[in-house]
Amino acid sequence: MSDALFAVSPVDGRYAAVCSPLREYFSEYALIRERVKVEIKYLIALAQLQLPQLQIDSGKFDALRNIYRQFTPADAEQIKQTEKTTNHDVKAVEYFVKEKLEALGLHKAKEFVHFGLTSQDINNTATPMLVRHGIAEVMLPALTDVLNKIESQAQDWNNISLLAHTHGQPASPTRLGKEMKVFSERLREQLEMLKSIPHSAKFGGATGNFNAHAVAYPAVDWISFADDFVNSLGLTRTAYTTQIEPYDNLAALFDNLKRINNILLDLCRDVWTYISMNYFSQTVKTGEIGSSAMPHKVNPIDFENAEGNLGIANALFEHLSAKLPVSRLQRDLTDSTVLRNTGVPFAHTLIALKSLLKGLNKILPNTQVISADLSSHAVVIAEAIQTILRREGYPNPYEALKDLTRGKENITLQDIHQFINTLQVSDTIKAELLKITPENYTGVNLSD
């Protein structure tokens, strides 16, 4: 029987296959492995200071690095077993690394494992490393796939004239491609912002002042050492901290992801509405069932699934960004349990991205319906007519068009042409006005 049937969360149950790429970066195993990596890299960095009491031949460095390079689930299980005794997850990692040093004949270096550090020096470097890689390796490719699809559709549909709707009412015509471009431009801008947010780390001892480091080796420039070490991890060190990283940049990253999700949620709702208006048809896969009761229906389930998962993700991103930067005095433990849920909103976002892309790949513009709806709303060119009349100094053009159109249904192009022919303007202006149709009144082609 599948374990997925007993998963508490659909992230590890129904959607486990979709979310599996995130396990490399947001699982318990990944966190333990990354902690081991930081401990080993820190020990090597200390050894390169040539401290009198810490002498490790550089020829041993590769063997040390293999401890995290060859880290296995069995190693993680060993650490979890130790944690049952220590009741401290990072201390269990420290003991694991010390045991590995014994096996390498480096028992004299054991006490320099985790030297002068507090657990948050490990957690607040391991976690941003995982987030950075998770975004780069999983989230950005998935977001880019969606962006590329939207931009492709924007290009393909650039010349499809479309009846716009403001306040739910027919409005000045637009182009379907341009309306898709609205979303791709917003998304592209936020993705660039996402890439620019620093991945910050804390590394400075129990309360951020290098107390233990300085008392043991006062001649060492620990600030420069820590800056260089954190930079070598691909991170930026926050200079002034308590026991924990203040998480401001991480909060900014979560807020940025929330904005990205809001853009995609907006897109889902617009496409859903276009489908309900029959502006989009959906290709049907053989064997799929749209409705359990109504066989004629092809429900927009991919966009609904995406919208639901984006909402869950954003609720969690909101809590993470609001809670993590707030801690009592030099620290409390509330960030620890919250931070363990970092992968959950990423997972719901990834589920949404896959569903959204699937949905986008199914839709096709129903050009006959789009064209017929546009043609049946000739009233939308009233804006064009009154604007030209304003240009020509015609008295009260807005009011004249309002009397003709406001609150009236089924105004045809013929009705408007009859109105134009009653205007006291030159034949040249009348000819200009008579050329305007709902199909060609779409403004500047922004893609030219």
Protein backbone atom coordinates (compact mmCIF):
# COMPACT_ATOMS: atom_id res chain seq x y z
CA MET A 1 0.00 0.00 0.00
CA SER A 2 1.33 3.42 -0.95
CA ASP A 3 2.66 5.61 1.85
CA ALA A 4 1.21 8.57 -0.05
CA LEU A 5 -2.27 7.38 0.97
CA PHE A 6 -1.38 8.11 4.59
CA ALA A 7 0.38 11.46 4.09
CA VAL A 8 -1.04 14.22 6.26
CA SER A 9 -0.25 16.84 3.63
CA PRO A 10 -1.05 16.53 -0.10
CA VAL A 11 2.44 17.92 -0.68
CA ASP A 12 3.79 14.51 0.33
CA GLY A 13 0.70 12.59 -0.78
CA ARG A 14 -1.38 13.40 -3.82
CA TYR A 15 1.22 15.83 -5.22
CA ALA A 16 4.36 14.01 -4.06
CA ALA A 17 5.64 13.41 -7.60
CA VAL A 18 5.26 17.09 -8.51
CA CYS A 19 6.99 18.24 -5.34
CA SER A 20 9.79 15.64 -5.32
CA PRO A 21 12.44 17.99 -6.82
CA LEU A 22 12.11 20.17 -3.71
CA ARG A 23 13.15 17.34 -1.40
CA GLU A 24 16.76 18.01 -2.34
CA TYR A 25 16.49 21.44 -0.70
CA PHE A 26 13.64 21.48 1.83
CA SER A 27 13.52 18.03 3.40
CA GLU A 28 14.84 17.11 6.84
CA TYR A 29 17.56 15.13 5.09
CA ALA A 30 18.60 18.18 3.06
CA LEU A 31 18.82 20.37 6.16
CA ILE A 32 20.94 17.83 8.04
CA ARG A 33 23.25 17.37 5.03
CA GLU A 34 23.67 21.13 4.67
CA ARG A 35 24.47 21.52 8.36
CA VAL A 36 27.19 18.89 7.99
CA LYS A 37 28.52 20.80 4.97
CA VAL A 38 28.75 24.06 6.92
CA GLU A 39 30.49 22.36 9.86
CA ILE A 40 33.08 20.76 7.57
CA LYS A 41 33.71 23.89 5.54
CA TYR A 42 34.07 25.90 8.75
CA LEU A 43 36.61 23.43 10.13
CA ILE A 44 38.65 23.65 6.90
CA ALA A 45 38.48 27.46 7.01
CA LEU A 46 39.75 27.42 10.60
CA ALA A 47 42.57 25.05 9.64
CA GLN A 48 43.65 27.47 6.91
CA LEU A 49 44.19 30.14 9.61
CA GLN A 50 47.15 28.07 10.79
CA LEU A 51 46.11 28.21 14.44
CA PRO A 52 48.83 26.61 16.60
CA GLN A 53 46.45 24.09 18.14
CA LEU A 54 44.72 23.16 14.88
CA GLN A 55 46.98 21.48 12.37
CA ILE A 56 45.28 19.60 9.52
CA ASP A 57 47.31 18.64 6.48
CA SER A 58 45.70 20.14 3.38
CA GLY A 59 45.90 16.72 1.80
CA LYS A 60 43.11 15.70 4.18
CA PHE A 61 40.73 18.43 2.98
CA ASP A 62 39.22 16.34 0.18
CA ALA A 63 38.56 13.48 2.60
CA LEU A 64 36.82 15.98 4.89
CA ARG A 65 34.74 17.35 2.01
CA ASN A 66 33.69 13.81 1.12
CA ILE A 67 31.86 13.66 4.43
CA TYR A 68 29.18 15.96 2.98
CA ARG A 69 29.72 15.09 -0.69
CA GLN A 70 29.00 11.42 0.05
CA PHE A 71 26.39 12.07 2.72
CA THR A 72 23.67 9.41 2.69
CA PRO A 73 20.20 8.94 4.16
CA ALA A 74 21.79 6.39 6.50
CA ASP A 75 24.10 9.14 7.79
CA ALA A 76 21.07 11.35 8.39
CA GLU A 77 19.36 8.51 10.25
CA GLN A 78 22.43 8.13 12.45
CA ILE A 79 22.28 11.81 13.32
CA LYS A 80 18.55 11.55 14.08
CA GLN A 81 19.26 8.66 16.42
CA THR A 82 21.89 10.73 18.25
CA GLU A 83 19.37 13.59 18.51
CA LYS A 84 17.10 11.31 20.54
CA THR A 85 19.79 11.41 23.24
CA THR A 86 21.02 14.99 22.87
CA ASN A 87 17.56 16.47 22.27
CA HIS A 88 19.46 18.99 20.14
CA ASP A 89 19.62 18.63 16.37
CA VAL A 90 22.77 20.67 15.68
CA LYS A 91 24.68 19.06 18.57
CA ALA A 92 23.88 15.70 17.00
CA VAL A 93 25.46 16.94 13.75
CA GLU A 94 28.55 18.05 15.68
CA TYR A 95 28.94 14.58 17.22
CA PHE A 96 28.55 12.97 13.79
CA VAL A 97 31.31 15.11 12.30
CA LYS A 98 33.59 14.41 15.27
CA GLU A 99 33.08 10.69 14.76
CA LYS A 100 34.03 11.05 11.10
CA LEU A 101 37.19 12.91 12.11
CA GLU A 102 38.13 10.01 14.38
CA ALA A 103 37.79 7.65 11.42
CA LEU A 104 40.11 9.89 9.39
CA GLY A 105 42.73 9.95 12.12
CA LEU A 106 42.04 13.60 12.94
CA HIS A 107 41.04 13.13 16.57
CA LYS A 108 43.26 16.07 17.63
CA ALA A 109 41.05 18.39 15.57
CA LYS A 110 37.77 17.19 17.10
CA GLU A 111 37.26 20.07 19.50
CA PHE A 112 37.55 22.58 16.68
CA VAL A 113 34.35 21.22 15.17
CA HIS A 114 31.69 23.87 15.91
CA PHE A 115 34.42 25.95 17.59
CA GLY A 116 33.02 29.16 19.10
CA LEU A 117 29.69 28.72 17.32
CA THR A 118 26.08 28.57 18.37
CA SER A 119 23.56 26.41 16.57
CA GLN A 120 22.18 29.38 14.67
CA ASP A 121 25.53 29.99 12.99
CA ILE A 122 24.87 26.63 11.34
CA ASN A 123 21.12 26.95 10.81
CA ASN A 124 21.30 30.52 9.53
CA THR A 125 23.85 29.54 6.90
CA ALA A 126 22.44 26.13 5.96
CA THR A 127 18.89 27.41 5.45
CA PRO A 128 19.66 30.33 3.10
CA MET A 129 21.98 28.02 1.12
CA LEU A 130 19.08 25.61 0.66
CA VAL A 131 16.65 28.38 -0.24
CA ARG A 132 19.09 29.84 -2.77
CA HIS A 133 19.61 26.49 -4.48
CA GLY A 134 15.93 25.57 -4.32
CA ILE A 135 14.99 28.78 -6.09
CA ALA A 136 17.76 28.49 -8.68
CA GLU A 137 17.35 24.80 -9.45
CA VAL A 138 13.59 24.27 -9.14
CA MET A 139 11.50 27.40 -8.79
CA LEU A 140 13.12 29.68 -11.39
CA PRO A 141 13.02 27.01 -14.13
CA ALA A 142 9.33 26.34 -13.39
CA LEU A 143 8.54 30.06 -13.34
CA THR A 144 10.49 30.57 -16.56
CA ASP A 145 8.48 27.81 -18.27
CA VAL A 146 5.26 29.63 -17.38
CA LEU A 147 6.70 32.99 -18.43
CA ASN A 148 7.86 31.62 -21.78
CA LYS A 149 4.44 30.10 -22.44
CA ILE A 150 2.66 33.38 -21.68
CA GLU A 151 5.05 35.32 -23.91
CA SER A 152 4.62 32.80 -26.72
CA GLN A 153 0.84 33.15 -26.51
CA ALA A 154 1.13 36.93 -26.37
CA GLN A 155 3.06 36.84 -29.64
CA ASP A 156 0.78 34.31 -31.33
CA TRP A 157 -2.39 36.16 -30.36
CA ASN A 158 -1.14 39.69 -30.95
CA ASN A 159 -3.51 40.42 -33.83
CA ILE A 160 -6.71 39.03 -32.27
CA SER A 161 -8.98 41.99 -31.51
CA LEU A 162 -10.84 41.51 -28.25
CA LEU A 163 -13.71 43.22 -26.47
CA ALA A 164 -12.28 44.55 -23.22
CA HIS A 165 -14.26 44.69 -19.97
CA THR A 166 -13.88 47.28 -17.23
CA HIS A 167 -16.12 46.95 -14.17
CA GLY A 168 -17.51 43.89 -15.94
CA GLN A 169 -18.91 46.07 -18.72
CA PRO A 170 -17.89 46.23 -22.40
CA ALA A 171 -15.04 48.71 -22.86
CA SER A 172 -12.62 50.00 -25.50
CA PRO A 173 -11.32 47.05 -27.55
CA THR A 174 -7.88 45.61 -26.99
CA ARG A 175 -5.75 42.77 -28.35
CA LEU A 176 -5.68 39.33 -26.78
CA GLY A 177 -1.90 39.16 -27.16
CA LYS A 178 -1.45 42.47 -25.38
CA GLU A 179 -3.61 41.28 -22.48
CA MET A 180 -1.34 38.25 -22.08
CA LYS A 181 1.69 40.52 -22.34
CA VAL A 182 0.43 42.42 -19.29
CA PHE A 183 1.08 39.30 -17.22
CA SER A 184 4.41 38.36 -18.80
CA GLU A 185 5.81 41.85 -18.25
CA ARG A 186 4.70 41.91 -14.61
CA LEU A 187 6.11 38.44 -14.06
CA ARG A 188 9.42 39.20 -15.74
CA GLU A 189 9.95 42.30 -13.58
CA GLN A 190 9.29 40.40 -10.36
CA LEU A 191 11.58 37.54 -11.40
CA GLU A 192 14.41 40.01 -11.92
CA MET A 193 13.71 41.40 -8.47
CA LEU A 194 13.72 37.87 -7.03
CA LYS A 195 17.18 37.26 -8.46
CA SER A 196 18.49 40.49 -6.93
CA ILE A 197 17.49 39.82 -3.30
CA PRO A 198 20.58 38.89 -1.24
CA HIS A 199 20.64 35.56 0.57
CA SER A 200 21.81 36.69 3.98
CA ALA A 201 23.40 34.69 6.76
CA LYS A 202 24.31 35.15 10.39
CA PHE A 203 27.74 34.01 11.58
CA GLY A 204 29.08 35.51 14.79
CA GLY A 205 28.74 33.26 17.81
CA ALA A 206 26.21 33.07 20.62
CA THR A 207 24.98 36.69 20.46
CA GLY A 208 26.62 37.85 17.27
CA ASN A 209 29.77 39.42 18.80
CA PHE A 210 32.38 36.63 18.29
CA ASN A 211 32.76 36.46 22.08
CA ALA A 212 34.19 32.94 22.20
CA HIS A 213 36.34 33.44 19.10
CA ALA A 214 37.87 36.66 20.37
CA VAL A 215 38.64 35.38 23.85
CA ALA A 216 40.41 32.30 22.43
CA TYR A 217 42.31 34.04 19.58
CA PRO A 218 42.20 37.81 20.07
CA ALA A 219 44.76 38.44 17.30
CA VAL A 220 42.55 36.99 14.54
CA ASP A 221 40.37 39.35 12.51
CA TRP A 222 37.21 37.37 13.03
CA ILE A 223 35.00 39.83 11.17
CA SER A 224 37.01 39.45 7.96
CA PHE A 225 37.21 35.70 8.50
CA ALA A 226 33.43 35.42 8.87
CA ASP A 227 32.78 37.66 5.87
CA ASP A 228 35.05 35.57 3.69
CA PHE A 229 33.65 32.30 4.97
CA VAL A 230 30.00 33.27 4.44
CA ASN A 231 30.81 34.67 0.99
CA SER A 232 32.43 31.33 0.10
CA LEU A 233 29.03 29.74 0.77
CA GLY A 234 27.42 32.02 -1.80
CA LEU A 235 25.82 34.15 0.91
CA THR A 236 26.09 37.67 2.33
CA ARG A 237 26.88 38.03 6.04
CA THR A 238 24.69 40.32 8.10
CA ALA A 239 27.11 42.33 10.23
CA TYR A 240 24.94 43.18 13.25
CA THR A 241 22.82 40.36 14.62
CA THR A 242 21.52 38.86 17.82
CA GLN A 243 21.81 35.09 18.17
CA ILE A 244 19.83 34.78 14.95
CA GLU A 245 19.77 36.31 11.49
CA PRO A 246 17.15 39.08 11.42
CA TYR A 247 15.59 37.45 8.33
CA ASP A 248 14.73 40.76 6.69
CA ASN A 249 16.04 39.71 3.28
CA LEU A 250 14.39 36.32 3.61
CA ALA A 251 11.14 38.11 4.40
CA ALA A 252 11.65 40.29 1.31
CA LEU A 253 12.15 37.14 -0.74
CA PHE A 254 8.93 35.61 0.60
CA ASP A 255 7.06 38.86 -0.11
CA ASN A 256 8.47 38.86 -3.63
CA LEU A 257 7.30 35.29 -4.19
CA LYS A 258 3.91 36.30 -2.85
CA ARG A 259 3.71 39.09 -5.46
CA ILE A 260 4.69 36.64 -8.18
CA ASN A 261 1.95 34.30 -6.99
CA ASN A 262 -0.58 37.15 -6.97
CA ILE A 263 0.25 37.91 -10.60
CA LEU A 264 -0.29 34.27 -11.50
CA LEU A 265 -3.48 34.13 -9.45
CA ASP A 266 -4.73 37.18 -11.36
CA LEU A 267 -3.93 35.39 -14.62
CA CYS A 268 -5.78 32.25 -13.49
CA ARG A 269 -8.92 34.23 -12.73
CA ASP A 270 -8.81 36.10 -16.04
CA VAL A 271 -8.32 32.94 -18.10
CA TRP A 272 -11.05 31.20 -16.07
CA THR A 273 -13.39 34.08 -16.90
CA TYR A 274 -12.49 34.00 -20.60
CA ILE A 275 -13.21 30.26 -20.62
CA SER A 276 -16.60 30.89 -18.98
CA MET A 277 -17.32 33.46 -21.74
CA ASN A 278 -16.31 30.88 -24.38
CA TYR A 279 -13.46 33.14 -25.51
CA PHE A 280 -11.14 30.19 -24.91
CA SER A 281 -11.80 26.57 -25.77
CA GLN A 282 -9.85 23.78 -24.08
CA THR A 283 -8.32 20.82 -25.83
CA VAL A 284 -9.56 17.53 -24.42
CA LYS A 285 -7.25 14.65 -23.63
CA THR A 286 -8.56 11.20 -24.51
CA GLY A 287 -10.06 9.52 -21.46
CA GLU A 288 -10.39 12.67 -19.33
CA ILE A 289 -13.73 13.42 -17.70
CA GLY A 290 -14.76 17.04 -17.28
CA SER A 291 -17.69 16.56 -14.93
CA SER A 292 -18.96 13.53 -13.03
CA ALA A 293 -22.56 14.44 -13.90
CA MET A 294 -22.49 16.56 -17.05
CA PRO A 295 -20.56 14.90 -19.88
CA HIS A 296 -20.58 18.00 -22.09
CA LYS A 297 -18.46 20.05 -19.69
CA VAL A 298 -14.74 20.70 -19.86
CA ASN A 299 -14.07 22.33 -16.51
CA PRO A 300 -11.12 24.76 -16.12
CA ILE A 301 -9.72 22.59 -13.35
CA ASP A 302 -6.05 23.37 -13.98
CA PHE A 303 -6.59 27.08 -13.36
CA GLU A 304 -8.76 26.35 -10.32
CA ASN A 305 -6.12 24.00 -8.91
CA ALA A 306 -3.43 26.62 -9.50
CA GLU A 307 -5.51 29.35 -7.87
CA GLY A 308 -6.17 27.24 -4.78
CA ASN A 309 -2.52 26.29 -4.32
CA LEU A 310 -1.32 29.86 -4.90
CA GLY A 311 -3.65 30.98 -2.13
CA ILE A 312 -2.28 28.42 0.33
CA ALA A 313 1.30 29.31 -0.62
CA ASN A 314 0.67 33.01 -0.11
CA ALA A 315 -0.93 32.50 3.28
CA LEU A 316 2.23 30.69 4.40
CA PHE A 317 4.61 33.17 2.75
CA GLU A 318 2.70 35.94 4.53
CA HIS A 319 3.15 34.28 7.91
CA LEU A 320 6.83 33.54 7.30
CA SER A 321 7.63 37.10 6.21
CA ALA A 322 5.68 38.63 9.10
CA LYS A 323 6.92 36.32 11.86
CA LEU A 324 10.56 35.58 11.13
CA PRO A 325 11.96 39.15 11.53
CA VAL A 326 10.40 39.41 15.02
CA SER A 327 12.15 37.82 18.02
CA ARG A 328 12.31 38.66 21.71
CA LEU A 329 15.57 40.31 22.82
CA GLN A 330 18.60 38.30 21.62
CA ARG A 331 16.36 35.41 20.49
CA ASP A 332 13.45 33.17 21.20
CA LEU A 333 12.80 29.80 19.61
CA THR A 334 9.69 30.67 17.59
CA ASP A 335 11.68 31.08 14.38
CA SER A 336 12.95 27.50 14.55
CA THR A 337 9.68 25.64 14.10
CA VAL A 338 8.38 28.23 11.63
CA LEU A 339 11.51 28.03 9.49
CA ARG A 340 11.08 24.27 9.16
CA ASN A 341 7.98 24.97 7.08
CA THR A 342 9.86 27.01 4.48
CA GLY A 343 9.50 24.31 1.86
CA VAL A 344 5.71 24.04 2.19
CA PRO A 345 4.78 27.29 0.38
CA PHE A 346 7.43 26.51 -2.23
CA ALA A 347 5.73 23.15 -2.76
CA HIS A 348 2.26 24.66 -3.16
CA THR A 349 3.70 27.25 -5.55
CA LEU A 350 5.35 24.50 -7.61
CA ILE A 351 2.07 22.55 -7.75
CA ALA A 352 0.36 25.72 -8.95
CA LEU A 353 2.99 26.39 -11.61
CA LYS A 354 2.68 22.88 -13.03
CA SER A 355 -1.13 23.11 -13.08
CA LEU A 356 -1.06 26.57 -14.62
CA LEU A 357 1.33 25.49 -17.36
CA LYS A 358 -0.84 22.46 -18.08
CA GLY A 359 -3.88 24.70 -18.34
CA LEU A 360 -2.15 27.24 -20.58
CA ASN A 361 -1.13 24.45 -22.92
CA LYS A 362 -4.79 23.45 -23.29
CA ILE A 363 -6.39 26.78 -24.21
CA LEU A 364 -7.04 28.08 -27.71
CA PRO A 365 -8.74 31.37 -28.62
CA ASN A 366 -12.27 30.83 -29.92
CA THR A 367 -11.89 33.53 -32.56
CA GLN A 368 -15.43 33.21 -33.91
CA VAL A 369 -16.95 33.90 -30.50
CA ILE A 370 -14.45 36.67 -29.75
CA SER A 371 -15.14 38.36 -33.10
CA ALA A 372 -18.91 38.00 -32.83
CA ASP A 373 -18.98 39.45 -29.32
CA LEU A 374 -16.83 42.37 -30.41
CA SER A 375 -18.99 43.08 -33.46
CA SER A 376 -22.16 43.00 -31.37
CA HIS A 377 -20.87 45.79 -29.13
CA ALA A 378 -20.47 48.59 -31.61
CA VAL A 379 -21.19 50.99 -28.77
CA VAL A 380 -17.54 50.71 -27.66
CA ILE A 381 -16.43 53.01 -30.49
CA ALA A 382 -18.36 55.88 -28.93
CA GLU A 383 -15.15 56.90 -27.15
CA ALA A 384 -13.35 57.17 -30.49
CA ILE A 385 -16.10 59.29 -32.06
CA GLN A 386 -16.39 61.77 -29.19
CA THR A 387 -12.59 62.11 -29.02
CA ILE A 388 -12.34 63.08 -32.69
CA LEU A 389 -15.26 65.48 -32.24
CA ARG A 390 -13.42 67.04 -29.28
CA ARG A 391 -10.39 67.46 -31.50
CA GLU A 392 -12.55 69.32 -34.03
CA GLY A 393 -14.12 71.57 -31.41
CA TYR A 394 -17.60 70.06 -31.83
CA PRO A 395 -19.93 71.31 -29.06
CA ASN A 396 -20.63 68.83 -26.21
CA PRO A 397 -19.56 65.65 -28.02
CA TYR A 398 -19.48 63.54 -24.86
CA GLU A 399 -23.04 64.49 -24.02
CA ALA A 400 -24.20 63.80 -27.59
CA LEU A 401 -22.72 60.28 -27.48
CA LYS A 402 -24.06 59.71 -23.97
CA ASP A 403 -27.61 60.46 -25.14
CA LEU A 404 -27.15 57.99 -27.99
CA THR A 405 -25.57 55.12 -26.06
CA ARG A 406 -25.92 55.24 -22.27
CA GLY A 407 -28.08 52.50 -20.83
CA LYS A 408 -29.23 51.31 -24.24
CA GLU A 409 -28.85 47.80 -25.54
CA ASN A 410 -28.32 46.42 -29.04
CA ILE A 411 -26.88 49.59 -30.54
CA THR A 412 -25.57 48.53 -33.93
CA LEU A 413 -22.85 49.90 -36.14
CA GLN A 414 -25.64 51.03 -38.45
CA ASP A 415 -27.19 53.07 -35.62
CA ILE A 416 -23.86 54.76 -35.01
CA HIS A 417 -23.36 55.46 -38.71
CA GLN A 418 -26.80 57.07 -38.84
CA PHE A 419 -25.77 59.24 -35.90
CA ILE A 420 -22.50 60.21 -37.62
CA ASN A 421 -24.37 61.27 -40.73
CA THR A 422 -26.47 63.71 -38.67
CA LEU A 423 -23.41 65.51 -37.31
CA GLN A 424 -22.63 69.04 -38.49
CA VAL A 425 -19.08 68.23 -39.56
CA SER A 426 -17.29 68.08 -42.89
CA ASP A 427 -17.54 65.09 -45.20
CA THR A 428 -13.84 64.41 -44.52
CA ILE A 429 -14.49 64.08 -40.78
CA LYS A 430 -17.57 61.95 -41.40
CA ALA A 431 -15.50 59.63 -43.59
CA GLU A 432 -12.87 59.40 -40.84
CA LEU A 433 -15.52 58.51 -38.27
CA LEU A 434 -17.25 55.97 -40.51
CA LYS A 435 -13.98 54.01 -40.88
CA ILE A 436 -13.90 53.23 -37.15
CA THR A 437 -15.08 49.74 -36.20
CA PRO A 438 -14.84 47.68 -33.01
CA GLU A 439 -12.29 45.47 -34.80
CA ASN A 440 -9.88 48.26 -35.75
CA TYR A 441 -10.33 50.48 -32.69
CA THR A 442 -7.61 48.73 -30.70
CA GLY A 443 -5.15 51.55 -30.19
CA VAL A 444 -1.39 51.34 -30.68
CA ASN A 445 0.06 47.90 -31.32
CA LEU A 446 2.43 47.84 -28.35
CA SER A 447 4.37 44.92 -29.80
CA ASP A 448 5.41 46.80 -32.96
